Amino acid sequence: MRRQWTTIIALVLVILIAAFAVMNTEAVPVNFAFTVASWPLIMVILVSLLIGALVAVLISTGPLLKERKEVKQLKKEIENSKVQQEQEIAHIQKAHETELSDKNSLIQQLQAQLNQSETK
């Protein structure tokens, strides 16, 4: 829904700017520091609008790219920690299985000794 409102507001602004530009069609001098040109005011308005939009996009792109890089790095760290956790769990399970096996062997030995002492 937010994207729809953004599109509607952008469309209204474009229509207002276009209407303003069409109402101002007389030629005006534009100073480029090294030369002066006479352009219709509509062109000056539209070129200024495009330059402003380009600057806004360039300014907003930097932080966006930085955030994307950070998200990618964090996802990689999460994946690495998951792999490390799985390895640690497997190691702990193996240690417990070994301990359980040792204790089962000890129980069998004690039962065998108990059986031998009962038969005597």
C-alpha atoms as a PDB file:
ATOM      1  CA  MET A   1       0.000   0.000   0.000  1.00  0.00           C
ATOM      2  CA  ARG A   2       2.874   2.369   0.814  1.00  0.00           C
ATOM      3  CA  ARG A   3       4.336   1.892  -2.645  1.00  0.00           C
ATOM      4  CA  GLN A   4       1.005   2.853  -4.219  1.00  0.00           C
ATOM      5  CA  TRP A   5       0.883   6.090  -2.211  1.00  0.00           C
ATOM      6  CA  THR A   6       4.456   6.882  -3.190  1.00  0.00           C
ATOM      7  CA  THR A   7       3.592   6.364  -6.849  1.00  0.00           C
ATOM      8  CA  ILE A   8       0.477   8.547  -6.569  1.00  0.00           C
ATOM      9  CA  ILE A   9       2.376  11.372  -4.836  1.00  0.00           C
ATOM     10  CA  ALA A  10       5.194  11.160  -7.404  1.00  0.00           C
ATOM     11  CA  LEU A  11       2.662  11.311 -10.244  1.00  0.00           C
ATOM     12  CA  VAL A  12       0.931  14.363  -8.738  1.00  0.00           C
ATOM     13  CA  LEU A  13       4.292  16.117  -8.329  1.00  0.00           C
ATOM     14  CA  VAL A  14       5.258  15.360 -11.933  1.00  0.00           C
ATOM     15  CA  ILE A  15       1.940  16.767 -13.173  1.00  0.00           C
ATOM     16  CA  LEU A  16       2.356  19.937 -11.063  1.00  0.00           C
ATOM     17  CA  ILE A  17       5.922  20.466 -12.285  1.00  0.00           C
ATOM     18  CA  ALA A  18       4.913  19.850 -15.900  1.00  0.00           C
ATOM     19  CA  ALA A  19       2.019  22.313 -15.598  1.00  0.00           C
ATOM     20  CA  PHE A  20       4.320  24.910 -14.015  1.00  0.00           C
ATOM     21  CA  ALA A  21       6.906  24.393 -16.743  1.00  0.00           C
ATOM     22  CA  VAL A  22       4.348  24.692 -19.567  1.00  0.00           C
ATOM     23  CA  MET A  23       3.129  28.013 -18.134  1.00  0.00           C
ATOM     24  CA  ASN A  24       6.703  29.378 -18.281  1.00  0.00           C
ATOM     25  CA  THR A  25       7.848  29.089 -21.905  1.00  0.00           C
ATOM     26  CA  GLU A  26       9.631  32.434 -22.476  1.00  0.00           C
ATOM     27  CA  ALA A  27      13.357  32.410 -23.172  1.00  0.00           C
ATOM     28  CA  VAL A  28      15.726  33.246 -20.316  1.00  0.00           C
ATOM     29  CA  PRO A  29      19.500  33.685 -20.249  1.00  0.00           C
ATOM     30  CA  VAL A  30      21.397  30.829 -18.583  1.00  0.00           C
ATOM     31  CA  ASN A  31      24.966  31.539 -17.427  1.00  0.00           C
ATOM     32  CA  PHE A  32      27.313  28.515 -17.648  1.00  0.00           C
ATOM     33  CA  ALA A  33      30.318  30.441 -16.204  1.00  0.00           C
ATOM     34  CA  PHE A  34      32.153  30.279 -19.538  1.00  0.00           C
ATOM     35  CA  THR A  35      29.223  31.201 -21.789  1.00  0.00           C
ATOM     36  CA  VAL A  36      25.679  32.477 -21.681  1.00  0.00           C
ATOM     37  CA  ALA A  37      22.886  30.689 -23.542  1.00  0.00           C
ATOM     38  CA  SER A  38      19.264  31.641 -24.035  1.00  0.00           C
ATOM     39  CA  TRP A  39      16.970  28.725 -23.244  1.00  0.00           C
ATOM     40  CA  PRO A  40      13.227  28.445 -22.828  1.00  0.00           C
ATOM     41  CA  LEU A  41      12.342  28.529 -19.131  1.00  0.00           C
ATOM     42  CA  ILE A  42      10.561  25.157 -19.505  1.00  0.00           C
ATOM     43  CA  MET A  43      13.930  23.560 -20.419  1.00  0.00           C
ATOM     44  CA  VAL A  44      15.689  25.218 -17.492  1.00  0.00           C
ATOM     45  CA  ILE A  45      13.004  23.926 -15.112  1.00  0.00           C
ATOM     46  CA  LEU A  46      13.052  20.369 -16.504  1.00  0.00           C
ATOM     47  CA  VAL A  47      16.862  20.144 -16.627  1.00  0.00           C
ATOM     48  CA  SER A  48      17.067  21.476 -13.060  1.00  0.00           C
ATOM     49  CA  LEU A  49      14.495  18.893 -11.977  1.00  0.00           C
ATOM     50  CA  LEU A  50      16.414  16.067 -13.633  1.00  0.00           C
ATOM     51  CA  ILE A  51      19.723  17.170 -12.120  1.00  0.00           C
ATOM     52  CA  GLY A  52      18.106  17.415  -8.681  1.00  0.00           C
ATOM     53  CA  ALA A  53      16.593  13.932  -9.044  1.00  0.00           C
ATOM     54  CA  LEU A  54      19.943  12.525 -10.164  1.00  0.00           C
ATOM     55  CA  VAL A  55      21.729  14.078  -7.178  1.00  0.00           C
ATOM     56  CA  ALA A  56      19.066  12.701  -4.802  1.00  0.00           C
ATOM     57  CA  VAL A  57      19.440   9.198  -6.279  1.00  0.00           C
ATOM     58  CA  LEU A  58      23.226   9.323  -6.040  1.00  0.00           C
ATOM     59  CA  ILE A  59      23.116  10.527  -2.432  1.00  0.00           C
ATOM     60  CA  SER A  60      20.634   7.837  -1.388  1.00  0.00           C
ATOM     61  CA  THR A  61      22.439   5.041  -3.250  1.00  0.00           C
ATOM     62  CA  GLY A  62      25.598   5.186  -1.101  1.00  0.00           C
ATOM     63  CA  PRO A  63      23.967   4.262   2.222  1.00  0.00           C
ATOM     64  CA  LEU A  64      21.749   1.707   0.484  1.00  0.00           C
ATOM     65  CA  LEU A  65      24.743  -0.110  -0.986  1.00  0.00           C
ATOM     66  CA  LYS A  66      26.504   0.016   2.382  1.00  0.00           C
ATOM     67  CA  GLU A  67      23.451  -1.513   4.085  1.00  0.00           C
ATOM     68  CA  ARG A  68      23.191  -4.263   1.462  1.00  0.00           C
ATOM     69  CA  LYS A  69      26.872  -5.113   1.964  1.00  0.00           C
ATOM     70  CA  GLU A  70      26.362  -5.219   5.741  1.00  0.00           C
ATOM     71  CA  VAL A  71      23.295  -7.466   5.404  1.00  0.00           C
ATOM     72  CA  LYS A  72      25.225  -9.821   3.132  1.00  0.00           C
ATOM     73  CA  GLN A  73      28.108  -9.947   5.627  1.00  0.00           C
ATOM     74  CA  LEU A  74      25.735 -10.603   8.548  1.00  0.00           C
ATOM     75  CA  LYS A  75      24.010 -13.409   6.649  1.00  0.00           C
ATOM     76  CA  LYS A  76      27.401 -14.970   5.985  1.00  0.00           C
ATOM     77  CA  GLU A  77      28.300 -14.695   9.683  1.00  0.00           C
ATOM     78  CA  ILE A  78      24.988 -16.334  10.644  1.00  0.00           C
ATOM     79  CA  GLU A  79      25.633 -19.193   8.224  1.00  0.00           C
ATOM     80  CA  ASN A  80      29.155 -19.653   9.584  1.00  0.00           C
ATOM     81  CA  SER A  81      27.868 -19.697  13.160  1.00  0.00           C
ATOM     82  CA  LYS A  82      25.230 -22.285  12.210  1.00  0.00           C
ATOM     83  CA  VAL A  83      27.902 -24.504  10.687  1.00  0.00           C
ATOM     84  CA  GLN A  84      30.081 -24.048  13.784  1.00  0.00           C
ATOM     85  CA  GLN A  85      27.130 -24.899  16.059  1.00  0.00           C
ATOM     86  CA  GLU A  86      26.392 -28.040  14.067  1.00  0.00           C
ATOM     87  CA  GLN A  87      30.035 -29.095  14.331  1.00  0.00           C
ATOM     88  CA  GLU A  88      30.055 -28.466  18.084  1.00  0.00           C
ATOM     89  CA  ILE A  89      26.803 -30.416  18.517  1.00  0.00           C
ATOM     90  CA  ALA A  90      28.241 -33.324  16.536  1.00  0.00           C
ATOM     91  CA  HIS A  91      31.392 -33.248  18.656  1.00  0.00           C
ATOM     92  CA  ILE A  92      29.387 -33.192  21.901  1.00  0.00           C
ATOM     93  CA  GLN A  93      27.139 -36.019  20.682  1.00  0.00           C
ATOM     94  CA  LYS A  94      30.184 -38.101  19.778  1.00  0.00           C
ATOM     95  CA  ALA A  95      31.706 -37.453  23.215  1.00  0.00           C
ATOM     96  CA  HIS A  96      28.436 -38.442  24.924  1.00  0.00           C
ATOM     97  CA  GLU A  97      28.127 -41.564  22.788  1.00  0.00           C
ATOM     98  CA  THR A  98      31.677 -42.550  23.701  1.00  0.00           C
ATOM     99  CA  GLU A  99      30.987 -41.926  27.383  1.00  0.00           C
ATOM    100  CA  LEU A 100      27.744 -43.891  27.168  1.00  0.00           C
ATOM    101  CA  SER A 101      29.532 -46.752  25.442  1.00  0.00           C
ATOM    102  CA  ASP A 102      32.205 -46.776  28.143  1.00  0.00           C
ATOM    103  CA  LYS A 103      29.587 -46.803  30.883  1.00  0.00           C
ATOM    104  CA  ASN A 104      27.633 -49.591  29.163  1.00  0.00           C
ATOM    105  CA  SER A 105      30.858 -51.626  28.971  1.00  0.00           C
ATOM    106  CA  LEU A 106      31.455 -50.974  32.659  1.00  0.00           C
ATOM    107  CA  ILE A 107      27.885 -52.045  33.485  1.00  0.00           C
ATOM    108  CA  GLN A 108      28.351 -55.263  31.501  1.00  0.00           C
ATOM    109  CA  GLN A 109      31.610 -55.975  33.312  1.00  0.00           C
ATOM    110  CA  LEU A 110      30.002 -55.348  36.689  1.00  0.00           C
ATOM    111  CA  GLN A 111      27.049 -57.580  35.761  1.00  0.00           C
ATOM    112  CA  ALA A 112      29.472 -60.297  34.682  1.00  0.00           C
ATOM    113  CA  GLN A 113      31.335 -59.984  37.983  1.00  0.00           C
ATOM    114  CA  LEU A 114      28.033 -60.058  39.851  1.00  0.00           C
ATOM    115  CA  ASN A 115      26.972 -63.184  37.963  1.00  0.00           C
ATOM    116  CA  GLN A 116      30.310 -64.839  38.741  1.00  0.00           C
ATOM    117  CA  SER A 117      30.062 -64.002  42.415  1.00  0.00           C
ATOM    118  CA  GLU A 118      26.503 -65.378  42.542  1.00  0.00           C
ATOM    119  CA  THR A 119      27.543 -68.649  40.933  1.00  0.00           C
ATOM    120  CA  LYS A 120      30.307 -69.221  43.455  1.00  0.00           C
END
